[in-house]
Amino acid sequence: TRRNSFLSITSIVFLTIHGYTQYFEYLGAQPETLVLGGLVLVGLAVVGARFLMRPETESD
């Protein structure tokens, strides 16, 4: 298992929630911004999943 993965995942989730709420505070909840924000979150989820699923490198 990956070391410190719980802390990493938790901090990324809270950072994403904070960024998402700040995004809508600044731009407002209009249909275009909802779609754009959703697409960005899906992209971040895919990148995060690929990062967490990559094999660990062996160290000596």
PDB file of N, CA and C in Angstrom:
ATOM      1  N   THR A   1       0.837  -1.196   0.000  1.00  0.00           N
ATOM      2  CA  THR A   1       0.000   0.000   0.000  1.00  0.00           C
ATOM      3  C   THR A   1       0.871   1.244   0.000  1.00  0.00           C
ATOM      4  N   ARG A   2       0.292   2.308  -0.439  1.00  0.00           N
ATOM      5  CA  ARG A   2       0.991   3.584  -0.485  1.00  0.00           C
ATOM      6  C   ARG A   2       1.022   4.221   0.899  1.00  0.00           C
ATOM      7  N   ARG A   3       2.165   4.751   1.272  1.00  0.00           N
ATOM      8  CA  ARG A   3       2.266   5.421   2.564  1.00  0.00           C
ATOM      9  C   ARG A   3       1.610   6.785   2.487  1.00  0.00           C
ATOM     10  N   ASN A   4       0.921   7.162   3.539  1.00  0.00           N
ATOM     11  CA  ASN A   4       0.272   8.466   3.674  1.00  0.00           C
ATOM     12  C   ASN A   4      -0.804   8.715   2.624  1.00  0.00           C
ATOM     13  N   SER A   5      -1.380   7.689   2.055  1.00  0.00           N
ATOM     14  CA  SER A   5      -2.385   7.918   1.019  1.00  0.00           C
ATOM     15  C   SER A   5      -3.662   8.510   1.606  1.00  0.00           C
ATOM     16  N   PHE A   6      -4.015   8.162   2.847  1.00  0.00           N
ATOM     17  CA  PHE A   6      -5.221   8.721   3.450  1.00  0.00           C
ATOM     18  C   PHE A   6      -5.103  10.231   3.574  1.00  0.00           C
ATOM     19  N   LEU A   7      -3.983  10.701   4.058  1.00  0.00           N
ATOM     20  CA  LEU A   7      -3.774  12.137   4.208  1.00  0.00           C
ATOM     21  C   LEU A   7      -3.769  12.827   2.851  1.00  0.00           C
ATOM     22  N   SER A   8      -3.146  12.227   1.867  1.00  0.00           N
ATOM     23  CA  SER A   8      -3.100  12.815   0.530  1.00  0.00           C
ATOM     24  C   SER A   8      -4.492  12.921  -0.071  1.00  0.00           C
ATOM     25  N   ILE A   9      -5.250  11.847   0.004  1.00  0.00           N
ATOM     26  CA  ILE A   9      -6.589  11.843  -0.581  1.00  0.00           C
ATOM     27  C   ILE A   9      -7.493  12.827   0.146  1.00  0.00           C
ATOM     28  N   THR A  10      -7.426  12.852   1.471  1.00  0.00           N
ATOM     29  CA  THR A  10      -8.263  13.759   2.248  1.00  0.00           C
ATOM     30  C   THR A  10      -7.952  15.211   1.919  1.00  0.00           C
ATOM     31  N   SER A  11      -6.687  15.560   1.833  1.00  0.00           N
ATOM     32  CA  SER A  11      -6.333  16.948   1.533  1.00  0.00           C
ATOM     33  C   SER A  11      -6.738  17.331   0.116  1.00  0.00           C
ATOM     34  N   ILE A  12      -6.620  16.419  -0.826  1.00  0.00           N
ATOM     35  CA  ILE A  12      -7.034  16.708  -2.198  1.00  0.00           C
ATOM     36  C   ILE A  12      -8.540  16.908  -2.278  1.00  0.00           C
ATOM     37  N   VAL A  13      -9.302  16.082  -1.557  1.00  0.00           N
ATOM     38  CA  VAL A  13     -10.762  16.222  -1.559  1.00  0.00           C
ATOM     39  C   VAL A  13     -11.171  17.567  -0.974  1.00  0.00           C
ATOM     40  N   PHE A  14     -10.613  17.950   0.164  1.00  0.00           N
ATOM     41  CA  PHE A  14     -10.965  19.232   0.760  1.00  0.00           C
ATOM     42  C   PHE A  14     -10.525  20.403  -0.108  1.00  0.00           C
ATOM     43  N   LEU A  15      -9.365  20.306  -0.732  1.00  0.00           N
ATOM     44  CA  LEU A  15      -8.908  21.358  -1.637  1.00  0.00           C
ATOM     45  C   LEU A  15      -9.844  21.489  -2.832  1.00  0.00           C
ATOM     46  N   THR A  16     -10.303  20.361  -3.363  1.00  0.00           N
ATOM     47  CA  THR A  16     -11.222  20.382  -4.495  1.00  0.00           C
ATOM     48  C   THR A  16     -12.556  20.994  -4.105  1.00  0.00           C
ATOM     49  N   ILE A  17     -13.091  20.617  -2.952  1.00  0.00           N
ATOM     50  CA  ILE A  17     -14.360  21.189  -2.493  1.00  0.00           C
ATOM     51  C   ILE A  17     -14.217  22.688  -2.286  1.00  0.00           C
ATOM     52  N   HIS A  18     -13.123  23.114  -1.685  1.00  0.00           N
ATOM     53  CA  HIS A  18     -12.898  24.546  -1.466  1.00  0.00           C
ATOM     54  C   HIS A  18     -12.783  25.290  -2.798  1.00  0.00           C
ATOM     55  N   GLY A  19     -12.016  24.739  -3.718  1.00  0.00           N
ATOM     56  CA  GLY A  19     -11.878  25.378  -5.028  1.00  0.00           C
ATOM     57  C   GLY A  19     -13.194  25.445  -5.782  1.00  0.00           C
ATOM     58  N   TYR A  20     -13.987  24.379  -5.685  1.00  0.00           N
ATOM     59  CA  TYR A  20     -15.287  24.330  -6.369  1.00  0.00           C
ATOM     60  C   TYR A  20     -16.229  25.391  -5.806  1.00  0.00           C
ATOM     61  N   THR A  21     -16.284  25.535  -4.471  1.00  0.00           N
ATOM     62  CA  THR A  21     -17.168  26.543  -3.885  1.00  0.00           C
ATOM     63  C   THR A  21     -16.674  27.953  -4.194  1.00  0.00           C
ATOM     64  N   GLN A  22     -15.371  28.168  -4.175  1.00  0.00           N
ATOM     65  CA  GLN A  22     -14.850  29.488  -4.513  1.00  0.00           C
ATOM     66  C   GLN A  22     -15.101  29.831  -5.975  1.00  0.00           C
ATOM     67  N   TYR A  23     -15.041  28.829  -6.824  1.00  0.00           N
ATOM     68  CA  TYR A  23     -15.323  29.011  -8.250  1.00  0.00           C
ATOM     69  C   TYR A  23     -16.738  29.550  -8.442  1.00  0.00           C
ATOM     70  N   PHE A  24     -17.709  28.970  -7.747  1.00  0.00           N
ATOM     71  CA  PHE A  24     -19.089  29.418  -7.900  1.00  0.00           C
ATOM     72  C   PHE A  24     -19.367  30.717  -7.161  1.00  0.00           C
ATOM     73  N   GLU A  25     -18.633  31.004  -6.108  1.00  0.00           N
ATOM     74  CA  GLU A  25     -18.768  32.301  -5.448  1.00  0.00           C
ATOM     75  C   GLU A  25     -18.335  33.409  -6.401  1.00  0.00           C
ATOM     76  N   TYR A  26     -17.319  33.146  -7.180  1.00  0.00           N
ATOM     77  CA  TYR A  26     -16.780  34.144  -8.097  1.00  0.00           C
ATOM     78  C   TYR A  26     -17.611  34.253  -9.373  1.00  0.00           C
ATOM     79  N   LEU A  27     -17.980  33.121  -9.991  1.00  0.00           N
ATOM     80  CA  LEU A  27     -18.671  33.125 -11.279  1.00  0.00           C
ATOM     81  C   LEU A  27     -20.184  32.995 -11.179  1.00  0.00           C
ATOM     82  N   GLY A  28     -20.698  32.541 -10.063  1.00  0.00           N
ATOM     83  CA  GLY A  28     -22.131  32.331  -9.932  1.00  0.00           C
ATOM     84  C   GLY A  28     -22.533  30.984 -10.511  1.00  0.00           C
ATOM     85  N   ALA A  29     -23.719  30.521 -10.129  1.00  0.00           N
ATOM     86  CA  ALA A  29     -24.187  29.197 -10.558  1.00  0.00           C
ATOM     87  C   ALA A  29     -25.040  29.326 -11.815  1.00  0.00           C
ATOM     88  N   GLN A  30     -24.402  29.610 -12.925  1.00  0.00           N
ATOM     89  CA  GLN A  30     -25.087  29.675 -14.212  1.00  0.00           C
ATOM     90  C   GLN A  30     -24.918  28.333 -14.906  1.00  0.00           C
ATOM     91  N   PRO A  31     -25.818  27.983 -15.834  1.00  0.00           N
ATOM     92  CA  PRO A  31     -25.726  26.668 -16.481  1.00  0.00           C
ATOM     93  C   PRO A  31     -24.359  26.389 -17.115  1.00  0.00           C
ATOM     94  N   GLU A  32     -23.773  27.384 -17.747  1.00  0.00           N
ATOM     95  CA  GLU A  32     -22.477  27.176 -18.394  1.00  0.00           C
ATOM     96  C   GLU A  32     -21.390  26.868 -17.371  1.00  0.00           C
ATOM     97  N   THR A  33     -21.417  27.582 -16.248  1.00  0.00           N
ATOM     98  CA  THR A  33     -20.392  27.352 -15.235  1.00  0.00           C
ATOM     99  C   THR A  33     -20.587  26.008 -14.535  1.00  0.00           C
ATOM    100  N   LEU A  34     -21.840  25.562 -14.415  1.00  0.00           N
ATOM    101  CA  LEU A  34     -22.086  24.240 -13.823  1.00  0.00           C
ATOM    102  C   LEU A  34     -21.503  23.136 -14.698  1.00  0.00           C
ATOM    103  N   VAL A  35     -21.705  23.244 -16.007  1.00  0.00           N
ATOM    104  CA  VAL A  35     -21.165  22.241 -16.927  1.00  0.00           C
ATOM    105  C   VAL A  35     -19.643  22.290 -16.915  1.00  0.00           C
ATOM    106  N   LEU A  36     -19.081  23.476 -16.992  1.00  0.00           N
ATOM    107  CA  LEU A  36     -17.626  23.621 -16.988  1.00  0.00           C
ATOM    108  C   LEU A  36     -17.018  23.089 -15.690  1.00  0.00           C
ATOM    109  N   GLY A  37     -17.613  23.444 -14.561  1.00  0.00           N
ATOM    110  CA  GLY A  37     -17.115  22.950 -13.277  1.00  0.00           C
ATOM    111  C   GLY A  37     -17.210  21.438 -13.166  1.00  0.00           C
ATOM    112  N   GLY A  38     -18.305  20.866 -13.665  1.00  0.00           N
ATOM    113  CA  GLY A  38     -18.461  19.412 -13.647  1.00  0.00           C
ATOM    114  C   GLY A  38     -17.423  18.716 -14.504  1.00  0.00           C
ATOM    115  N   LEU A  39     -17.153  19.269 -15.681  1.00  0.00           N
ATOM    116  CA  LEU A  39     -16.143  18.676 -16.560  1.00  0.00           C
ATOM    117  C   LEU A  39     -14.747  18.754 -15.942  1.00  0.00           C
ATOM    118  N   VAL A  40     -14.460  19.859 -15.295  1.00  0.00           N
ATOM    119  CA  VAL A  40     -13.161  20.002 -14.634  1.00  0.00           C
ATOM    120  C   VAL A  40     -13.029  18.981 -13.506  1.00  0.00           C
ATOM    121  N   LEU A  41     -14.100  18.800 -12.729  1.00  0.00           N
ATOM    122  CA  LEU A  41     -14.036  17.831 -11.632  1.00  0.00           C
ATOM    123  C   LEU A  41     -13.887  16.402 -12.131  1.00  0.00           C
ATOM    124  N   VAL A  42     -14.564  16.061 -13.226  1.00  0.00           N
ATOM    125  CA  VAL A  42     -14.415  14.721 -13.794  1.00  0.00           C
ATOM    126  C   VAL A  42     -12.974  14.520 -14.268  1.00  0.00           C
ATOM    127  N   GLY A  43     -12.414  15.537 -14.910  1.00  0.00           N
ATOM    128  CA  GLY A  43     -11.022  15.449 -15.350  1.00  0.00           C
ATOM    129  C   GLY A  43     -10.064  15.278 -14.183  1.00  0.00           C
ATOM    130  N   LEU A  44     -10.288  16.027 -13.109  1.00  0.00           N
ATOM    131  CA  LEU A  44      -9.438  15.885 -11.928  1.00  0.00           C
ATOM    132  C   LEU A  44      -9.585  14.507 -11.293  1.00  0.00           C
ATOM    133  N   ALA A  45     -10.794  13.964 -11.302  1.00  0.00           N
ATOM    134  CA  ALA A  45     -11.011  12.628 -10.741  1.00  0.00           C
ATOM    135  C   ALA A  45     -10.273  11.566 -11.549  1.00  0.00           C
ATOM    136  N   VAL A  46     -10.292  11.698 -12.870  1.00  0.00           N
ATOM    137  CA  VAL A  46      -9.593  10.731 -13.723  1.00  0.00           C
ATOM    138  C   VAL A  46      -8.085  10.815 -13.493  1.00  0.00           C
ATOM    139  N   VAL A  47      -7.561  12.020 -13.441  1.00  0.00           N
ATOM    140  CA  VAL A  47      -6.122  12.197 -13.204  1.00  0.00           C
ATOM    141  C   VAL A  47      -5.741  11.653 -11.828  1.00  0.00           C
ATOM    142  N   GLY A  48      -6.550  11.947 -10.813  1.00  0.00           N
ATOM    143  CA  GLY A  48      -6.266  11.446  -9.474  1.00  0.00           C
ATOM    144  C   GLY A  48      -6.316   9.934  -9.394  1.00  0.00           C
ATOM    145  N   ALA A  49      -7.285   9.328 -10.059  1.00  0.00           N
ATOM    146  CA  ALA A  49      -7.395   7.866 -10.048  1.00  0.00           C
ATOM    147  C   ALA A  49      -6.198   7.228 -10.738  1.00  0.00           C
ATOM    148  N   ARG A  50      -5.773   7.807 -11.841  1.00  0.00           N
ATOM    149  CA  ARG A  50      -4.594   7.260 -12.538  1.00  0.00           C
ATOM    150  C   ARG A  50      -3.339   7.408 -11.688  1.00  0.00           C
ATOM    151  N   PHE A  51      -3.236   8.520 -10.985  1.00  0.00           N
ATOM    152  CA  PHE A  51      -2.075   8.734 -10.119  1.00  0.00           C
ATOM    153  C   PHE A  51      -2.041   7.709  -8.993  1.00  0.00           C
ATOM    154  N   LEU A  52      -3.186   7.454  -8.379  1.00  0.00           N
ATOM    155  CA  LEU A  52      -3.228   6.527  -7.251  1.00  0.00           C
ATOM    156  C   LEU A  52      -3.122   5.071  -7.679  1.00  0.00           C
ATOM    157  N   MET A  53      -3.435   4.761  -8.931  1.00  0.00           N
ATOM    158  CA  MET A  53      -3.407   3.379  -9.394  1.00  0.00           C
ATOM    159  C   MET A  53      -2.086   2.994 -10.047  1.00  0.00           C
ATOM    160  N   ARG A  54      -1.181   3.948 -10.231  1.00  0.00           N
ATOM    161  CA  ARG A  54       0.094   3.604 -10.864  1.00  0.00           C
ATOM    162  C   ARG A  54       0.907   2.730  -9.921  1.00  0.00           C
ATOM    163  N   PRO A  55       1.699   1.838 -10.476  1.00  0.00           N
ATOM    164  CA  PRO A  55       2.472   0.926  -9.620  1.00  0.00           C
ATOM    165  C   PRO A  55       3.554   1.673  -8.847  1.00  0.00           C
ATOM    166  N   GLU A  56       3.814   1.171  -7.664  1.00  0.00           N
ATOM    167  CA  GLU A  56       4.870   1.768  -6.843  1.00  0.00           C
ATOM    168  C   GLU A  56       6.230   1.364  -7.384  1.00  0.00           C
ATOM    169  N   THR A  57       7.174   2.259  -7.287  1.00  0.00           N
ATOM    170  CA  THR A  57       8.534   1.926  -7.709  1.00  0.00           C
ATOM    171  C   THR A  57       9.243   1.231  -6.555  1.00  0.00           C
ATOM    172  N   GLU A  58      10.063   0.269  -6.895  1.00  0.00           N
ATOM    173  CA  GLU A  58      10.800  -0.460  -5.866  1.00  0.00           C
ATOM    174  C   GLU A  58      12.019   0.341  -5.457  1.00  0.00           C
ATOM    175  N   SER A  59      12.238   0.428  -4.164  1.00  0.00           N
ATOM    176  CA  SER A  59      13.426   1.128  -3.669  1.00  0.00           C
ATOM    177  C   SER A  59      14.337   0.127  -2.972  1.00  0.00           C
ATOM    178  N   ASP A  60      15.609   0.428  -2.997  1.00  0.00           N
ATOM    179  CA  ASP A  60      16.589  -0.491  -2.390  1.00  0.00           C
ATOM    180  C   ASP A  60      16.638  -0.347  -0.896  1.00  0.00           C
TER     181      ASP A  60
END
